[in-house]
């Protein structure tokens, strides 16, 4: 494996640093697609954790500011609160992907023409 030993270490939450990073990235991605989601569904969607662990990860991310949202513990729901910054970031990301695809098409066309 190409991961360093510290990247393979199991943290207190039972995840490696890499798994936690991927999980948090995917949590933010979900926040761009949903306005709210039940923790049980979120755990299933993320595919690596149960609803209880999804709630703990979401709570930590909200607390440290890496996710904007609120938790309804009674209903078991996570509400996402996108900010204007989140929307502009998504638009910039979309423009970057569009530009990349255009450049990739040009390179592909140039290779085919050779």
Foldseek 3Di string as FASTA:
>chain_A
DPDDPQQCDQDPLRDGPVRLVLLLVVVVVVLVVDQKDALQVSCVVSPPHGSVSSVVSVVVCCVVVVFAWDADVVRRMIGGDDDPVNVVVVVVVVVVVVVVVVVVVVVVVVVVVD
